[in-house]
Amino acid sequence: MDFYNELLNRGYENILKKGMAVSPRDISQAVFDGRVLPSALNKIIIKEDLIETIAFIKETIDAQRDRRTLVELPFVMFGYENENGEVIIEKIEIDYDKFENAVVSNKEQVANFEGYLTEKINEYAKNSTYKKPVIIHGHTHPNAEKRNIPTEWTNAFSFADMQGYKDFSNSITNFNRMTNKDIQVAGMVINSDGDFNAVFCDVAHNNMFYKIDNIELENYGKLPSFKGKTMFPEFSERSL
């Protein structure tokens, strides 16, 4: 099933077009369960020397459990796809200053990739010499219960997440056409329980979304991934 088109078929275009202007409590959500790509990007392996960065990402989620305002942490992972369809992540970039400023100012903030992270993405796209470079566009979903939003929200890719990732996928596809490169991109959300949820949008095959269910930290084994049913909440009784 193509989740993205299924959402559109169910009449959610009006929500999707509103994008980030829509309150999280009014956005439907989709958890991608069980399906992996038949080829390409079937496993993500994060290099062992990035363990402290992974720990920092998890700590930013844990530290917000008692906060009234929540700050999503954006990050990008850089690596390559090997001959077995495995993604080897060698570097993770985080805009530490922007995140710390948001926390100190006590302002709620959704993931923002403008500035430093966008520069790093552009730099990697232009300069990587790998045959199949990979960029993972990710962010955290801190504990949402403090805002009276259903807990499932933190496990899901919102419409805004999906649209932003799809737009990024399309922009890289256009870049590949112009440069004859073969850069692949994936999207990732790390939820409030520290589950690593990644998706791949197969732009070449009708923009189908697939979950990449196997994410490992090298020499430490598989990282947790949310196990849940695909959710298409109905909003027939709500005013959108």
C-alpha atoms as a PDB file:
ATOM      1  CA  MET A   1       0.000   0.000   0.000  1.00  0.00           C
ATOM      2  CA  ASP A   2       1.149   3.538  -0.728  1.00  0.00           C
ATOM      3  CA  PHE A   3       0.446   5.240   2.606  1.00  0.00           C
ATOM      4  CA  TYR A   4       0.835   8.743   1.271  1.00  0.00           C
ATOM      5  CA  ASN A   5      -1.723   8.287  -1.514  1.00  0.00           C
ATOM      6  CA  GLU A   6      -4.000   6.343   0.809  1.00  0.00           C
ATOM      7  CA  LEU A   7      -4.112   9.354   3.115  1.00  0.00           C
ATOM      8  CA  LEU A   8      -5.007  11.574   0.193  1.00  0.00           C
ATOM      9  CA  ASN A   9      -7.674   9.134  -0.956  1.00  0.00           C
ATOM     10  CA  ARG A  10      -9.263   9.349   2.476  1.00  0.00           C
ATOM     11  CA  GLY A  11      -9.854  13.049   1.980  1.00  0.00           C
ATOM     12  CA  TYR A  12      -7.093  14.584   4.077  1.00  0.00           C
ATOM     13  CA  GLU A  13      -5.862  16.978   1.388  1.00  0.00           C
ATOM     14  CA  ASN A  14      -7.210  19.959   3.330  1.00  0.00           C
ATOM     15  CA  ILE A  15      -5.086  19.060   6.359  1.00  0.00           C
ATOM     16  CA  LEU A  16      -2.019  18.247   4.303  1.00  0.00           C
ATOM     17  CA  LYS A  17      -2.100  21.575   2.470  1.00  0.00           C
ATOM     18  CA  LYS A  18      -2.209  23.476   5.767  1.00  0.00           C
ATOM     19  CA  GLY A  19       1.056  21.867   6.782  1.00  0.00           C
ATOM     20  CA  MET A  20       2.648  23.185   9.964  1.00  0.00           C
ATOM     21  CA  ALA A  21      -0.160  25.712  10.480  1.00  0.00           C
ATOM     22  CA  VAL A  22      -2.329  22.866  11.749  1.00  0.00           C
ATOM     23  CA  SER A  23      -2.250  22.056  15.446  1.00  0.00           C
ATOM     24  CA  PRO A  24      -0.799  18.602  16.205  1.00  0.00           C
ATOM     25  CA  ARG A  25      -4.072  17.608  17.837  1.00  0.00           C
ATOM     26  CA  ASP A  26      -5.779  18.165  14.459  1.00  0.00           C
ATOM     27  CA  ILE A  27      -3.311  16.252  12.308  1.00  0.00           C
ATOM     28  CA  SER A  28      -3.898  12.610  11.502  1.00  0.00           C
ATOM     29  CA  GLN A  29      -0.920  10.312  11.895  1.00  0.00           C
ATOM     30  CA  ALA A  30       0.487   7.210  10.271  1.00  0.00           C
ATOM     31  CA  VAL A  31       2.765   4.600  11.804  1.00  0.00           C
ATOM     32  CA  PHE A  32       4.451   2.422   9.216  1.00  0.00           C
ATOM     33  CA  ASP A  33       4.476  -1.153  10.422  1.00  0.00           C
ATOM     34  CA  GLY A  34       6.324  -4.206   9.336  1.00  0.00           C
ATOM     35  CA  ARG A  35       7.047  -3.524   5.673  1.00  0.00           C
ATOM     36  CA  VAL A  36      10.544  -3.040   4.359  1.00  0.00           C
ATOM     37  CA  LEU A  37      11.887  -2.357   0.913  1.00  0.00           C
ATOM     38  CA  PRO A  38      12.418  -5.417  -1.269  1.00  0.00           C
ATOM     39  CA  SER A  39      15.702  -3.816  -2.282  1.00  0.00           C
ATOM     40  CA  ALA A  40      17.785  -0.811  -1.206  1.00  0.00           C
ATOM     41  CA  LEU A  41      17.947   0.723   2.245  1.00  0.00           C
ATOM     42  CA  ASN A  42      16.880  -2.437   4.072  1.00  0.00           C
ATOM     43  CA  LYS A  43      19.064  -1.802   7.120  1.00  0.00           C
ATOM     44  CA  ILE A  44      20.675   1.228   8.777  1.00  0.00           C
ATOM     45  CA  ILE A  45      23.921   0.680  10.690  1.00  0.00           C
ATOM     46  CA  ILE A  46      25.171   3.618  12.770  1.00  0.00           C
ATOM     47  CA  LYS A  47      28.916   3.509  13.389  1.00  0.00           C
ATOM     48  CA  GLU A  48      29.987   2.734  16.955  1.00  0.00           C
ATOM     49  CA  ASP A  49      31.925   5.984  17.379  1.00  0.00           C
ATOM     50  CA  LEU A  50      28.621   7.912  17.123  1.00  0.00           C
ATOM     51  CA  ILE A  51      27.312   6.352  20.342  1.00  0.00           C
ATOM     52  CA  GLU A  52      27.730   9.589  22.321  1.00  0.00           C
ATOM     53  CA  THR A  53      25.727  11.525  19.738  1.00  0.00           C
ATOM     54  CA  ILE A  54      22.956   8.924  19.872  1.00  0.00           C
ATOM     55  CA  ALA A  55      23.014   9.190  23.667  1.00  0.00           C
ATOM     56  CA  PHE A  56      22.738  12.986  23.464  1.00  0.00           C
ATOM     57  CA  ILE A  57      19.684  12.727  21.206  1.00  0.00           C
ATOM     58  CA  LYS A  58      18.037  10.333  23.666  1.00  0.00           C
ATOM     59  CA  GLU A  59      18.935  12.588  26.610  1.00  0.00           C
ATOM     60  CA  THR A  60      17.251  15.597  24.995  1.00  0.00           C
ATOM     61  CA  ILE A  61      14.018  13.584  24.909  1.00  0.00           C
ATOM     62  CA  ASP A  62      14.302  12.350  28.495  1.00  0.00           C
ATOM     63  CA  ALA A  63      15.125  15.841  29.796  1.00  0.00           C
ATOM     64  CA  GLN A  64      11.835  17.214  28.496  1.00  0.00           C
ATOM     65  CA  ARG A  65       9.486  14.855  30.288  1.00  0.00           C
ATOM     66  CA  ASP A  66       8.537  17.454  32.891  1.00  0.00           C
ATOM     67  CA  ARG A  67       8.568  20.491  30.627  1.00  0.00           C
ATOM     68  CA  ARG A  68       5.464  22.395  29.575  1.00  0.00           C
ATOM     69  CA  THR A  69       7.057  23.549  26.338  1.00  0.00           C
ATOM     70  CA  LEU A  70       8.682  21.004  24.069  1.00  0.00           C
ATOM     71  CA  VAL A  71      11.543  21.393  21.623  1.00  0.00           C
ATOM     72  CA  GLU A  72      12.047  18.956  18.766  1.00  0.00           C
ATOM     73  CA  LEU A  73      15.693  18.254  18.005  1.00  0.00           C
ATOM     74  CA  PRO A  74      16.486  18.130  14.266  1.00  0.00           C
ATOM     75  CA  PHE A  75      19.485  16.176  13.031  1.00  0.00           C
ATOM     76  CA  VAL A  76      20.904  14.801   9.799  1.00  0.00           C
ATOM     77  CA  MET A  77      22.809  11.566   9.335  1.00  0.00           C
ATOM     78  CA  PHE A  78      25.328  11.083   6.533  1.00  0.00           C
ATOM     79  CA  GLY A  79      26.635   7.838   5.093  1.00  0.00           C
ATOM     80  CA  TYR A  80      26.370   5.524   2.130  1.00  0.00           C
ATOM     81  CA  GLU A  81      24.571   2.441   0.864  1.00  0.00           C
ATOM     82  CA  ASN A  82      26.762  -0.637   0.465  1.00  0.00           C
ATOM     83  CA  GLU A  83      26.364  -3.488  -2.019  1.00  0.00           C
ATOM     84  CA  ASN A  84      24.026  -5.327   0.388  1.00  0.00           C
ATOM     85  CA  GLY A  85      21.534  -2.478   0.573  1.00  0.00           C
ATOM     86  CA  GLU A  86      22.725  -1.551   4.065  1.00  0.00           C
ATOM     87  CA  VAL A  87      23.135   2.096   5.004  1.00  0.00           C
ATOM     88  CA  ILE A  88      26.342   2.820   6.919  1.00  0.00           C
ATOM     89  CA  ILE A  89      26.037   6.071   8.887  1.00  0.00           C
ATOM     90  CA  GLU A  90      29.400   7.728   9.507  1.00  0.00           C
ATOM     91  CA  LYS A  91      28.425  11.196  10.692  1.00  0.00           C
ATOM     92  CA  ILE A  92      25.550  12.913  12.512  1.00  0.00           C
ATOM     93  CA  GLU A  93      25.113  16.692  12.463  1.00  0.00           C
ATOM     94  CA  ILE A  94      23.111  18.615  15.097  1.00  0.00           C
ATOM     95  CA  ASP A  95      22.623  22.355  15.423  1.00  0.00           C
ATOM     96  CA  TYR A  96      23.457  22.410  19.143  1.00  0.00           C
ATOM     97  CA  ASP A  97      23.301  26.203  19.484  1.00  0.00           C
ATOM     98  CA  LYS A  98      19.803  26.489  18.008  1.00  0.00           C
ATOM     99  CA  PHE A  99      18.522  23.690  20.222  1.00  0.00           C
ATOM    100  CA  GLU A 100      20.051  25.070  23.406  1.00  0.00           C
ATOM    101  CA  ASN A 101      18.744  28.570  22.655  1.00  0.00           C
ATOM    102  CA  ALA A 102      15.219  27.211  22.228  1.00  0.00           C
ATOM    103  CA  VAL A 103      15.433  25.301  25.515  1.00  0.00           C
ATOM    104  CA  VAL A 104      16.839  28.264  27.438  1.00  0.00           C
ATOM    105  CA  SER A 105      14.225  30.648  26.028  1.00  0.00           C
ATOM    106  CA  ASN A 106      11.520  28.117  26.959  1.00  0.00           C
ATOM    107  CA  LYS A 107       9.895  28.365  23.545  1.00  0.00           C
ATOM    108  CA  GLU A 108       8.188  25.409  21.952  1.00  0.00           C
ATOM    109  CA  GLN A 109       9.833  24.584  18.649  1.00  0.00           C
ATOM    110  CA  VAL A 110       9.262  22.106  15.861  1.00  0.00           C
ATOM    111  CA  ALA A 111      12.248  20.728  13.970  1.00  0.00           C
ATOM    112  CA  ASN A 112      13.959  23.474  11.979  1.00  0.00           C
ATOM    113  CA  PHE A 113      16.644  22.533   9.461  1.00  0.00           C
ATOM    114  CA  GLU A 114      17.330  26.051   8.199  1.00  0.00           C
ATOM    115  CA  GLY A 115      20.838  27.436   8.481  1.00  0.00           C
ATOM    116  CA  TYR A 116      23.525  25.092   9.770  1.00  0.00           C
ATOM    117  CA  LEU A 117      21.863  21.770   8.935  1.00  0.00           C
ATOM    118  CA  THR A 118      20.803  22.871   5.455  1.00  0.00           C
ATOM    119  CA  GLU A 119      24.372  23.970   4.786  1.00  0.00           C
ATOM    120  CA  LYS A 120      25.687  20.578   5.893  1.00  0.00           C
ATOM    121  CA  ILE A 121      23.163  18.763   3.686  1.00  0.00           C
ATOM    122  CA  ASN A 122      24.144  20.837   0.666  1.00  0.00           C
ATOM    123  CA  GLU A 123      27.834  20.325   1.420  1.00  0.00           C
ATOM    124  CA  TYR A 124      27.479  16.548   1.649  1.00  0.00           C
ATOM    125  CA  ALA A 125      25.315  16.330  -1.464  1.00  0.00           C
ATOM    126  CA  LYS A 126      27.881  18.246  -3.495  1.00  0.00           C
ATOM    127  CA  ASN A 127      31.087  16.767  -2.116  1.00  0.00           C
ATOM    128  CA  SER A 128      30.387  13.130  -1.277  1.00  0.00           C
ATOM    129  CA  THR A 129      32.384  10.740  -3.438  1.00  0.00           C
ATOM    130  CA  TYR A 130      30.457   7.582  -2.518  1.00  0.00           C
ATOM    131  CA  LYS A 131      28.716   5.695  -5.309  1.00  0.00           C
ATOM    132  CA  LYS A 132      25.448   5.794  -3.348  1.00  0.00           C
ATOM    133  CA  PRO A 133      25.514   8.529  -0.682  1.00  0.00           C
ATOM    134  CA  VAL A 134      22.698   8.531   1.882  1.00  0.00           C
ATOM    135  CA  ILE A 135      21.213  11.430   3.852  1.00  0.00           C
ATOM    136  CA  ILE A 136      18.788  10.790   6.715  1.00  0.00           C
ATOM    137  CA  HIS A 137      16.582  13.746   7.608  1.00  0.00           C
ATOM    138  CA  GLY A 138      15.509  13.234  11.226  1.00  0.00           C
ATOM    139  CA  HIS A 139      14.060  14.804  14.347  1.00  0.00           C
ATOM    140  CA  THR A 140      12.747  13.893  17.792  1.00  0.00           C
ATOM    141  CA  HIS A 141       9.197  13.786  19.094  1.00  0.00           C
ATOM    142  CA  PRO A 142       9.526  14.508  22.822  1.00  0.00           C
ATOM    143  CA  ASN A 143       6.909  13.347  25.324  1.00  0.00           C
ATOM    144  CA  ALA A 144       3.600  14.770  24.176  1.00  0.00           C
ATOM    145  CA  GLU A 145       1.441  14.024  27.200  1.00  0.00           C
ATOM    146  CA  LYS A 146       2.348  17.358  28.803  1.00  0.00           C
ATOM    147  CA  ARG A 147       0.397  19.039  26.008  1.00  0.00           C
ATOM    148  CA  ASN A 148      -2.604  16.714  26.325  1.00  0.00           C
ATOM    149  CA  ILE A 149      -1.899  15.259  22.918  1.00  0.00           C
ATOM    150  CA  PRO A 150      -2.435  11.506  22.457  1.00  0.00           C
ATOM    151  CA  THR A 151       0.724   9.544  23.215  1.00  0.00           C
ATOM    152  CA  GLU A 152       0.516   7.978  19.733  1.00  0.00           C
ATOM    153  CA  TRP A 153       1.533  11.356  18.333  1.00  0.00           C
ATOM    154  CA  THR A 154       5.127  10.791  19.371  1.00  0.00           C
ATOM    155  CA  ASN A 155       5.224   7.439  17.569  1.00  0.00           C
ATOM    156  CA  ALA A 156       3.980   8.832  14.282  1.00  0.00           C
ATOM    157  CA  PHE A 157       5.062  10.754  11.235  1.00  0.00           C
ATOM    158  CA  SER A 158       2.629  13.662  11.059  1.00  0.00           C
ATOM    159  CA  PHE A 159       1.303  14.950   7.758  1.00  0.00           C
ATOM    160  CA  ALA A 160       3.763  17.820   8.066  1.00  0.00           C
ATOM    161  CA  ASP A 161       6.629  15.358   8.655  1.00  0.00           C
ATOM    162  CA  MET A 162       5.587  13.302   5.648  1.00  0.00           C
ATOM    163  CA  GLN A 163       5.179  16.297   3.389  1.00  0.00           C
ATOM    164  CA  GLY A 164       8.490  17.830   4.462  1.00  0.00           C
ATOM    165  CA  TYR A 165      10.317  14.549   3.924  1.00  0.00           C
ATOM    166  CA  LYS A 166       8.610  13.974   0.557  1.00  0.00           C
ATOM    167  CA  ASP A 167       9.606  17.480  -0.567  1.00  0.00           C
ATOM    168  CA  PHE A 168      13.188  16.785   0.506  1.00  0.00           C
ATOM    169  CA  SER A 169      13.142  13.477  -1.393  1.00  0.00           C
ATOM    170  CA  ASN A 170      11.947  15.226  -4.522  1.00  0.00           C
ATOM    171  CA  SER A 171      14.569  17.985  -4.224  1.00  0.00           C
ATOM    172  CA  ILE A 172      17.346  15.377  -3.955  1.00  0.00           C
ATOM    173  CA  THR A 173      15.880  13.502  -6.920  1.00  0.00           C
ATOM    174  CA  ASN A 174      16.097  16.707  -8.968  1.00  0.00           C
ATOM    175  CA  PHE A 175      19.655  17.264  -7.719  1.00  0.00           C
ATOM    176  CA  ASN A 176      20.559  13.729  -8.805  1.00  0.00           C
ATOM    177  CA  ARG A 177      19.221  14.392 -12.284  1.00  0.00           C
ATOM    178  CA  MET A 178      21.302  17.541 -12.650  1.00  0.00           C
ATOM    179  CA  THR A 179      24.517  16.060 -11.239  1.00  0.00           C
ATOM    180  CA  ASN A 180      24.250  12.385 -12.265  1.00  0.00           C
ATOM    181  CA  LYS A 181      24.583  11.408  -8.609  1.00  0.00           C
ATOM    182  CA  ASP A 182      22.676   8.635  -6.867  1.00  0.00           C
ATOM    183  CA  ILE A 183      21.925  10.118  -3.436  1.00  0.00           C
ATOM    184  CA  GLN A 184      19.257   8.309  -1.389  1.00  0.00           C
ATOM    185  CA  VAL A 185      17.365   9.938   1.468  1.00  0.00           C
ATOM    186  CA  ALA A 186      15.389   8.568   4.391  1.00  0.00           C
ATOM    187  CA  GLY A 187      13.300  10.216   7.100  1.00  0.00           C
ATOM    188  CA  MET A 188      13.568   9.420  10.795  1.00  0.00           C
ATOM    189  CA  VAL A 189      11.561  10.188  13.922  1.00  0.00           C
ATOM    190  CA  ILE A 190      12.827   9.226  17.382  1.00  0.00           C
ATOM    191  CA  ASN A 191       9.855   9.104  19.725  1.00  0.00           C
ATOM    192  CA  SER A 192       9.507   9.815  23.434  1.00  0.00           C
ATOM    193  CA  ASP A 193      10.437   6.223  24.330  1.00  0.00           C
ATOM    194  CA  GLY A 194      13.632   6.415  22.290  1.00  0.00           C
ATOM    195  CA  ASP A 195      12.318   4.264  19.440  1.00  0.00           C
ATOM    196  CA  PHE A 196      14.016   4.818  16.084  1.00  0.00           C
ATOM    197  CA  ASN A 197      11.456   4.958  13.275  1.00  0.00           C
ATOM    198  CA  ALA A 198      12.700   5.477   9.722  1.00  0.00           C
ATOM    199  CA  VAL A 199      10.918   5.649   6.365  1.00  0.00           C
ATOM    200  CA  PHE A 200      12.035   5.707   2.767  1.00  0.00           C
ATOM    201  CA  CYS A 201       9.998   7.425   0.051  1.00  0.00           C
ATOM    202  CA  ASP A 202      10.506   5.565  -3.211  1.00  0.00           C
ATOM    203  CA  VAL A 203      10.224   8.536  -5.565  1.00  0.00           C
ATOM    204  CA  ALA A 204      10.929   6.309  -8.560  1.00  0.00           C
ATOM    205  CA  HIS A 205       7.887   4.139  -7.828  1.00  0.00           C
ATOM    206  CA  ASN A 206       4.899   6.427  -7.278  1.00  0.00           C
ATOM    207  CA  ASN A 207       6.233   7.994  -4.066  1.00  0.00           C
ATOM    208  CA  MET A 208       5.561   4.889  -2.002  1.00  0.00           C
ATOM    209  CA  PHE A 209       6.595   5.018   1.656  1.00  0.00           C
ATOM    210  CA  TYR A 210       8.309   2.077   3.350  1.00  0.00           C
ATOM    211  CA  LYS A 211       9.422   1.612   6.903  1.00  0.00           C
ATOM    212  CA  ILE A 212      13.084   0.720   7.440  1.00  0.00           C
ATOM    213  CA  ASP A 213      12.608  -1.521  10.441  1.00  0.00           C
ATOM    214  CA  ASN A 214      16.181  -2.657  11.056  1.00  0.00           C
ATOM    215  CA  ILE A 215      18.332   0.092  12.614  1.00  0.00           C
ATOM    216  CA  GLU A 216      21.495  -0.933  14.448  1.00  0.00           C
ATOM    217  CA  LEU A 217      24.234   0.689  16.464  1.00  0.00           C
ATOM    218  CA  GLU A 218      27.406  -1.033  15.292  1.00  0.00           C
ATOM    219  CA  ASN A 219      28.587  -3.722  17.752  1.00  0.00           C
ATOM    220  CA  TYR A 220      25.628  -2.989  20.061  1.00  0.00           C
ATOM    221  CA  GLY A 221      22.764  -4.529  18.106  1.00  0.00           C
ATOM    222  CA  LYS A 222      19.357  -3.405  16.952  1.00  0.00           C
ATOM    223  CA  LEU A 223      17.926  -0.141  18.248  1.00  0.00           C
ATOM    224  CA  PRO A 224      14.287  -0.184  19.420  1.00  0.00           C
ATOM    225  CA  SER A 225      11.589   0.574  16.861  1.00  0.00           C
ATOM    226  CA  PHE A 226       7.930   1.306  17.566  1.00  0.00           C
ATOM    227  CA  LYS A 227       5.683  -1.683  16.910  1.00  0.00           C
ATOM    228  CA  GLY A 228       2.138  -0.610  16.226  1.00  0.00           C
ATOM    229  CA  LYS A 229      -0.740  -0.753  13.847  1.00  0.00           C
ATOM    230  CA  THR A 230      -1.119   1.665  10.986  1.00  0.00           C
ATOM    231  CA  MET A 231      -3.389   4.446  12.174  1.00  0.00           C
ATOM    232  CA  PHE A 232      -5.737   6.568  10.123  1.00  0.00           C
ATOM    233  CA  PRO A 233      -7.817   8.387  12.770  1.00  0.00           C
ATOM    234  CA  GLU A 234     -11.112   9.701  11.498  1.00  0.00           C
ATOM    235  CA  PHE A 235     -11.999  13.344  12.070  1.00  0.00           C
ATOM    236  CA  SER A 236     -15.609  13.355  10.854  1.00  0.00           C
ATOM    237  CA  GLU A 237     -16.836  14.817  14.151  1.00  0.00           C
ATOM    238  CA  ARG A 238     -14.107  17.444  14.441  1.00  0.00           C
ATOM    239  CA  SER A 239     -13.943  20.907  13.012  1.00  0.00           C
ATOM    240  CA  LEU A 240     -10.750  21.122  10.993  1.00  0.00           C
END
